[in-house]
Amino acid sequence: MMTVDYAFNPDADEDRKVPDPEADALLVGAVDLHQHPGPSPFPRRMSILDAARDAAGAGFRAIVAKSHHHSMVTDILALQSAGLADLPTQVYGGIALNRTVGGLNPYAVELALRMGGRMVWFPTLSSAAHVHHHEHHDTGFPTPEVDLRPNEIISILDERGAVLPEVHDILSVIAAEDAVLTCGHLGVAESQALIDAALRAGVRRILVNHPCFVVGASVDQAVAWARQGVTIEHCIIMYFGRPERRRDLDELLTFIKEVGVGQTILSSDSGQKNNPLPVTLYRRAVRGLLDAGIAEADIRRLVGTNAGHLLLP
């Protein structure tokens, strides 16, 4: 049996002790669409309740708890009576369509959304892009603490390149529930096919996750998706996380400039055992954007307003 030992300690993130009232003020109203609390087969630093309390302390409007392995919607519902309902920060979940939920499973999607979930991530760990990327790169991605079957690739396309019937079924559910579709870790070609099919199905809320990680999308591709009405998410752990894994901030600034502030959101993608906490990353990101000359009004849109419009009914 798996034992859970969350090492939740905001004070361990040393820069949280340094006063920065200018950055802290811009966190009020923030919305993080991409947090990784436990429970999870992967080692996590915080529980859902830890994450929610930390976000509430910084004035966040909402967070989304994501697992690659199961829907966290029922976990969130179970925590309402344990103090979650008393917090001012709203907590949402969703479902990632990997093997552990049956893959491209419209029944699981329907259940998650109709019990209060807001987001559907298409294959992440099970996408071809994810599997092939991790065969050739050391990304520091966590490994399970429990014994699981080997991962198998899931494609949203048939052998002729057409979108599978079950994908169309899932898109109809997402459209009916007015939920958020994210392309997960699909590569550019599969993401494009999914976006086109989603728009035809009437899906209004579409998000591309971290185009620079696994997905492999260029700035020009992100601009093209934005013209289709898609929102582009950048994960600030990539730019403000552990120093040895940080990417060049100019990369992020270029994407924001070319895609536009209105079609861009920043999420943490944090909660892993050895990474900074989500609130820490947001604080660092806001300070970094201020120092780079980004206007306060634009930062508010990037860290809160845009994601709120996407997430909330």
Protein backbone atom coordinates (compact mmCIF):
# COMPACT_ATOMS: atom_id res chain seq x y z
CA MET A 1 0.00 0.00 0.00
CA MET A 2 1.21 3.49 -0.85
CA THR A 3 1.95 5.78 2.08
CA VAL A 4 1.66 9.54 1.62
CA ASP A 5 4.09 11.95 3.29
CA TYR A 6 3.54 15.50 2.09
CA ALA A 7 6.43 17.81 2.98
CA PHE A 8 4.32 20.96 2.76
CA ASN A 9 6.29 23.88 4.12
CA PRO A 10 6.01 27.26 2.38
CA ASP A 11 8.85 28.63 4.50
CA ALA A 12 11.19 26.13 2.85
CA ASP A 13 10.94 28.29 -0.29
CA GLU A 14 13.39 30.88 0.99
CA ASP A 15 12.37 33.69 -1.35
CA ARG A 16 8.89 33.66 0.19
CA LYS A 17 10.49 35.25 3.23
CA VAL A 18 11.67 38.28 1.27
CA PRO A 19 9.09 41.10 1.22
CA ASP A 20 7.77 41.97 -2.25
CA PRO A 21 4.47 43.82 -1.79
CA GLU A 22 4.38 44.89 -5.45
CA ALA A 23 4.40 41.28 -6.66
CA ASP A 24 2.10 40.08 -3.90
CA ALA A 25 -0.54 42.64 -4.84
CA LEU A 26 -0.64 41.27 -8.40
CA LEU A 27 -1.30 37.74 -7.13
CA VAL A 28 -4.68 38.75 -5.70
CA GLY A 29 -7.23 37.25 -8.07
CA ALA A 30 -4.77 34.83 -9.68
CA VAL A 31 -6.08 31.62 -11.27
CA ASP A 32 -3.78 28.61 -11.64
CA LEU A 33 -5.11 26.06 -14.14
CA HIS A 34 -2.29 23.56 -13.67
CA GLN A 35 -1.33 22.37 -10.19
CA HIS A 36 -0.15 18.86 -9.28
CA PRO A 37 -1.11 18.10 -5.66
CA GLY A 38 -1.50 14.62 -4.20
CA PRO A 39 -2.84 12.03 -4.03
CA SER A 40 -0.89 10.72 -6.97
CA PRO A 41 1.31 7.76 -7.89
CA PHE A 42 3.99 10.42 -8.43
CA PRO A 43 5.70 11.93 -5.35
CA ARG A 44 4.01 15.20 -4.43
CA ARG A 45 4.95 17.99 -2.07
CA MET A 46 1.43 19.06 -1.16
CA SER A 47 -2.12 17.77 -0.83
CA ILE A 48 -5.13 19.38 -2.48
CA LEU A 49 -6.02 21.02 0.82
CA ASP A 50 -2.45 22.28 1.29
CA ALA A 51 -2.50 23.78 -2.19
CA ALA A 52 -5.85 25.45 -1.64
CA ARG A 53 -4.82 26.95 1.71
CA ASP A 54 -1.56 28.30 0.29
CA ALA A 55 -3.37 29.79 -2.71
CA ALA A 56 -6.01 31.33 -0.46
CA GLY A 57 -3.32 32.92 1.69
CA ALA A 58 -2.00 34.70 -1.40
CA GLY A 59 -5.46 35.81 -2.56
CA PHE A 60 -5.91 33.42 -5.48
CA ARG A 61 -9.39 33.28 -6.96
CA ALA A 62 -9.18 29.64 -8.12
CA ILE A 63 -6.87 26.69 -8.74
CA VAL A 64 -7.20 23.48 -10.73
CA ALA A 65 -5.87 20.22 -9.29
CA LYS A 66 -4.55 17.89 -11.99
CA SER A 67 -3.52 14.26 -11.88
CA HIS A 68 -2.10 12.38 -14.84
CA HIS A 69 -3.61 9.18 -13.47
CA HIS A 70 -7.12 9.81 -12.14
CA SER A 71 -9.88 12.37 -11.94
CA MET A 72 -9.46 14.56 -8.87
CA VAL A 73 -13.08 15.69 -8.96
CA THR A 74 -14.16 13.16 -6.32
CA ASP A 75 -11.11 13.96 -4.15
CA ILE A 76 -12.15 17.61 -4.19
CA LEU A 77 -15.75 16.79 -3.33
CA ALA A 78 -14.63 14.59 -0.44
CA LEU A 79 -12.55 17.45 1.00
CA GLN A 80 -15.40 19.96 1.11
CA SER A 81 -16.37 18.95 4.65
CA ALA A 82 -12.70 18.82 5.72
CA GLY A 83 -12.25 22.57 5.31
CA LEU A 84 -12.04 23.09 1.56
CA ALA A 85 -15.49 24.66 1.40
CA ASP A 86 -14.49 27.25 4.00
CA LEU A 87 -11.68 28.70 1.87
CA PRO A 88 -12.23 31.72 -0.40
CA THR A 89 -10.25 30.07 -3.23
CA GLN A 90 -12.31 27.86 -5.53
CA VAL A 91 -10.83 24.45 -6.33
CA TYR A 92 -11.66 22.56 -9.51
CA GLY A 93 -10.55 19.33 -11.08
CA GLY A 94 -10.86 17.44 -14.31
CA ILE A 95 -9.65 14.30 -16.05
CA ALA A 96 -6.57 13.40 -18.08
CA LEU A 97 -7.24 10.78 -20.75
CA ASN A 98 -4.40 8.37 -20.10
CA ARG A 99 -4.50 4.58 -19.75
CA THR A 100 -5.37 4.65 -16.04
CA VAL A 101 -8.83 6.13 -16.77
CA GLY A 102 -9.45 3.93 -19.81
CA GLY A 103 -7.84 6.26 -22.33
CA LEU A 104 -10.26 8.02 -24.69
CA ASN A 105 -13.19 7.21 -22.43
CA PRO A 106 -16.32 9.37 -22.92
CA TYR A 107 -18.00 7.72 -19.92
CA ALA A 108 -15.21 8.88 -17.59
CA VAL A 109 -15.31 12.37 -19.10
CA GLU A 110 -19.06 12.62 -18.66
CA LEU A 111 -18.84 11.53 -15.01
CA ALA A 112 -16.00 13.93 -14.18
CA LEU A 113 -17.66 16.95 -15.77
CA ARG A 114 -21.15 16.27 -14.46
CA MET A 115 -19.79 15.95 -10.92
CA GLY A 116 -18.25 19.41 -11.14
CA GLY A 117 -15.04 18.99 -13.14
CA ARG A 118 -14.08 21.76 -15.54
CA MET A 119 -11.13 20.48 -17.57
CA VAL A 120 -10.37 17.57 -19.89
CA TRP A 121 -6.73 16.95 -20.74
CA PHE A 122 -6.23 14.77 -23.78
CA PRO A 123 -3.42 12.20 -23.41
CA THR A 124 -0.43 13.44 -21.46
CA LEU A 125 1.77 10.53 -20.29
CA SER A 126 0.25 8.32 -22.99
CA SER A 127 0.71 10.65 -25.96
CA ALA A 128 3.23 9.70 -28.62
CA ALA A 129 4.94 13.07 -28.23
CA HIS A 130 5.40 12.53 -24.48
CA VAL A 131 6.71 8.98 -24.81
CA HIS A 132 9.13 9.83 -27.61
CA HIS A 133 10.34 13.03 -25.93
CA HIS A 134 11.19 11.21 -22.72
CA GLU A 135 13.03 8.49 -24.62
CA HIS A 136 15.57 11.11 -25.73
CA HIS A 137 15.60 13.80 -23.02
CA ASP A 138 16.24 13.95 -19.29
CA THR A 139 13.41 16.25 -18.26
CA GLY A 140 13.38 15.47 -14.56
CA PHE A 141 9.85 14.12 -14.95
CA PRO A 142 8.84 12.09 -11.86
CA THR A 143 8.50 8.32 -11.74
CA PRO A 144 5.66 6.49 -9.95
CA GLU A 145 6.06 5.36 -6.36
CA VAL A 146 3.66 2.49 -7.01
CA ASP A 147 4.02 -0.42 -9.42
CA LEU A 148 2.06 0.34 -12.59
CA ARG A 149 1.78 -1.38 -15.94
CA PRO A 150 4.05 -0.05 -18.70
CA ASN A 151 2.66 3.03 -20.42
CA GLU A 152 1.19 2.56 -23.89
CA ILE A 153 0.73 5.25 -26.51
CA ILE A 154 -2.75 6.58 -27.20
CA SER A 155 -3.45 8.34 -30.49
CA ILE A 156 -6.55 10.40 -31.21
CA LEU A 157 -6.25 9.44 -34.90
CA ASP A 158 -6.93 6.24 -36.81
CA GLU A 159 -4.52 4.69 -39.30
CA ARG A 160 -5.84 7.03 -42.04
CA GLY A 161 -5.26 10.12 -39.93
CA ALA A 162 -8.93 10.72 -39.16
CA VAL A 163 -10.10 11.69 -35.66
CA LEU A 164 -11.44 8.62 -33.85
CA PRO A 165 -15.20 8.27 -33.18
CA GLU A 166 -14.63 8.17 -29.41
CA VAL A 167 -12.84 11.53 -29.63
CA HIS A 168 -15.88 13.03 -31.34
CA ASP A 169 -18.02 11.58 -28.54
CA ILE A 170 -15.80 13.19 -25.91
CA LEU A 171 -15.88 16.52 -27.73
CA SER A 172 -19.68 16.46 -27.76
CA VAL A 173 -19.66 15.99 -23.99
CA ILE A 174 -17.17 18.83 -23.48
CA ALA A 175 -19.26 21.11 -25.68
CA ALA A 176 -22.49 20.22 -23.87
CA GLU A 177 -20.90 20.94 -20.47
CA ASP A 178 -19.09 24.06 -21.74
CA ALA A 179 -15.91 22.68 -20.19
CA VAL A 180 -12.28 23.39 -21.05
CA LEU A 181 -10.54 21.15 -23.58
CA THR A 182 -6.78 21.01 -23.34
CA CYS A 183 -4.57 19.26 -25.86
CA GLY A 184 -2.50 17.68 -23.08
CA HIS A 185 0.86 16.46 -24.35
CA LEU A 186 -0.24 15.80 -27.92
CA GLY A 187 2.22 16.86 -30.58
CA VAL A 188 1.53 19.61 -33.09
CA ALA A 189 -0.20 17.47 -35.74
CA GLU A 190 -2.53 15.72 -33.30
CA SER A 191 -3.21 18.97 -31.46
CA GLN A 192 -4.21 20.63 -34.72
CA ALA A 193 -6.54 17.78 -35.65
CA LEU A 194 -8.10 17.93 -32.18
CA ILE A 195 -8.54 21.71 -32.25
CA ASP A 196 -10.19 21.61 -35.67
CA ALA A 197 -12.56 18.83 -34.59
CA ALA A 198 -13.34 20.61 -31.31
CA LEU A 199 -14.26 23.85 -33.08
CA ARG A 200 -16.56 21.96 -35.43
CA ALA A 201 -18.16 20.29 -32.38
CA GLY A 202 -18.90 23.64 -30.75
CA VAL A 203 -16.26 23.54 -28.02
CA ARG A 204 -15.68 27.16 -26.90
CA ARG A 205 -12.85 26.83 -24.40
CA ILE A 206 -9.63 25.37 -25.83
CA LEU A 207 -6.17 25.44 -24.28
CA VAL A 208 -2.75 24.35 -25.55
CA ASN A 209 -0.49 23.35 -22.66
CA HIS A 210 3.21 24.36 -22.55
CA PRO A 211 3.98 24.58 -26.30
CA CYS A 212 7.73 24.61 -25.56
CA PHE A 213 7.67 21.34 -23.58
CA VAL A 214 6.90 18.02 -25.34
CA VAL A 215 4.33 19.59 -27.69
CA GLY A 216 7.07 21.12 -29.83
CA ALA A 217 5.12 24.11 -31.14
CA SER A 218 6.89 27.12 -32.61
CA VAL A 219 5.93 30.72 -31.98
CA ASP A 220 4.33 30.86 -35.43
CA GLN A 221 2.26 27.77 -34.65
CA ALA A 222 1.09 29.25 -31.35
CA VAL A 223 0.10 32.45 -33.18
CA ALA A 224 -1.90 30.40 -35.70
CA TRP A 225 -3.72 28.58 -32.88
CA ALA A 226 -4.49 31.87 -31.16
CA ARG A 227 -6.08 33.10 -34.40
CA GLN A 228 -8.40 30.10 -34.15
CA GLY A 229 -9.46 31.30 -30.70
CA VAL A 230 -7.20 28.95 -28.73
CA THR A 231 -5.53 30.09 -25.49
CA ILE A 232 -1.83 29.33 -25.07
CA GLU A 233 -0.61 28.27 -21.63
CA HIS A 234 2.97 28.66 -20.45
CA CYS A 235 4.13 26.87 -17.31
CA ILE A 236 6.20 29.14 -15.13
CA ILE A 237 8.03 26.24 -13.51
CA MET A 238 10.00 26.12 -16.77
CA TYR A 239 11.27 29.67 -16.32
CA PHE A 240 11.26 30.22 -12.54
CA GLY A 241 11.73 26.71 -11.12
CA ARG A 242 14.96 25.02 -10.11
CA PRO A 243 17.91 26.98 -11.57
CA GLU A 244 19.46 23.98 -13.31
CA ARG A 245 16.29 23.39 -15.36
CA ARG A 246 15.24 26.95 -16.19
CA ARG A 247 14.68 27.99 -19.78
CA ASP A 248 15.57 31.42 -21.11
CA LEU A 249 12.97 34.00 -20.07
CA ASP A 250 13.29 35.65 -23.49
CA GLU A 251 11.58 32.59 -24.95
CA LEU A 252 8.51 33.22 -22.82
CA LEU A 253 8.53 36.96 -23.51
CA THR A 254 8.67 36.30 -27.26
CA PHE A 255 5.67 33.98 -27.13
CA ILE A 256 3.69 36.53 -25.11
CA LYS A 257 4.58 39.36 -27.49
CA GLU A 258 3.74 37.44 -30.68
CA VAL A 259 0.64 35.56 -29.47
CA GLY A 260 -0.65 38.50 -27.47
CA VAL A 261 -1.45 38.99 -23.81
CA GLY A 262 -5.15 38.39 -24.47
CA GLN A 263 -4.58 34.81 -25.69
CA THR A 264 -1.93 33.82 -23.13
CA ILE A 265 -2.10 32.46 -19.59
CA LEU A 266 0.55 31.52 -17.06
CA SER A 267 0.14 28.41 -14.90
CA SER A 268 2.47 26.86 -12.36
CA ASP A 269 2.57 23.14 -13.34
CA SER A 270 4.01 22.55 -9.87
CA GLY A 271 3.41 20.51 -6.74
CA GLN A 272 6.08 17.88 -7.37
CA LYS A 273 8.17 16.76 -4.43
CA ASN A 274 11.35 18.66 -5.26
CA ASN A 275 9.99 21.76 -6.97
CA PRO A 276 9.00 25.19 -5.61
CA LEU A 277 5.38 25.56 -4.56
CA PRO A 278 2.90 27.09 -7.03
CA VAL A 279 2.50 30.35 -5.07
CA THR A 280 6.28 30.70 -4.91
CA LEU A 281 6.52 30.33 -8.68
CA TYR A 282 3.79 32.89 -9.29
CA ARG A 283 5.54 35.36 -7.01
CA ARG A 284 8.83 34.83 -8.86
CA ALA A 285 7.11 35.09 -12.24
CA VAL A 286 5.37 38.35 -11.40
CA ARG A 287 8.63 39.85 -10.18
CA GLY A 288 10.41 38.61 -13.32
CA LEU A 289 7.77 40.07 -15.63
CA LEU A 290 7.81 43.40 -13.78
CA ASP A 291 11.59 43.55 -14.11
CA ALA A 292 11.24 42.75 -17.82
CA GLY A 293 9.00 45.80 -18.27
CA ILE A 294 5.62 44.07 -18.59
CA ALA A 295 2.80 46.38 -17.48
CA GLU A 296 0.92 45.56 -14.29
CA ALA A 297 -2.41 45.43 -16.16
CA ASP A 298 -0.97 42.84 -18.57
CA ILE A 299 0.46 40.76 -15.71
CA ARG A 300 -2.96 40.64 -14.07
CA ARG A 301 -4.41 39.27 -17.31
CA LEU A 302 -1.63 36.70 -17.65
CA VAL A 303 -1.88 35.36 -14.09
CA GLY A 304 -5.58 35.68 -13.42
CA THR A 305 -8.12 37.37 -15.68
CA ASN A 306 -7.60 35.27 -18.81
CA ALA A 307 -7.56 31.96 -16.97
CA GLY A 308 -10.64 32.98 -14.99
CA HIS A 309 -12.56 33.70 -18.20
CA LEU A 310 -11.49 30.33 -19.60
CA LEU A 311 -12.22 28.25 -16.51
CA LEU A 312 -15.30 29.69 -14.88
CA PRO A 313 -18.80 29.11 -16.26
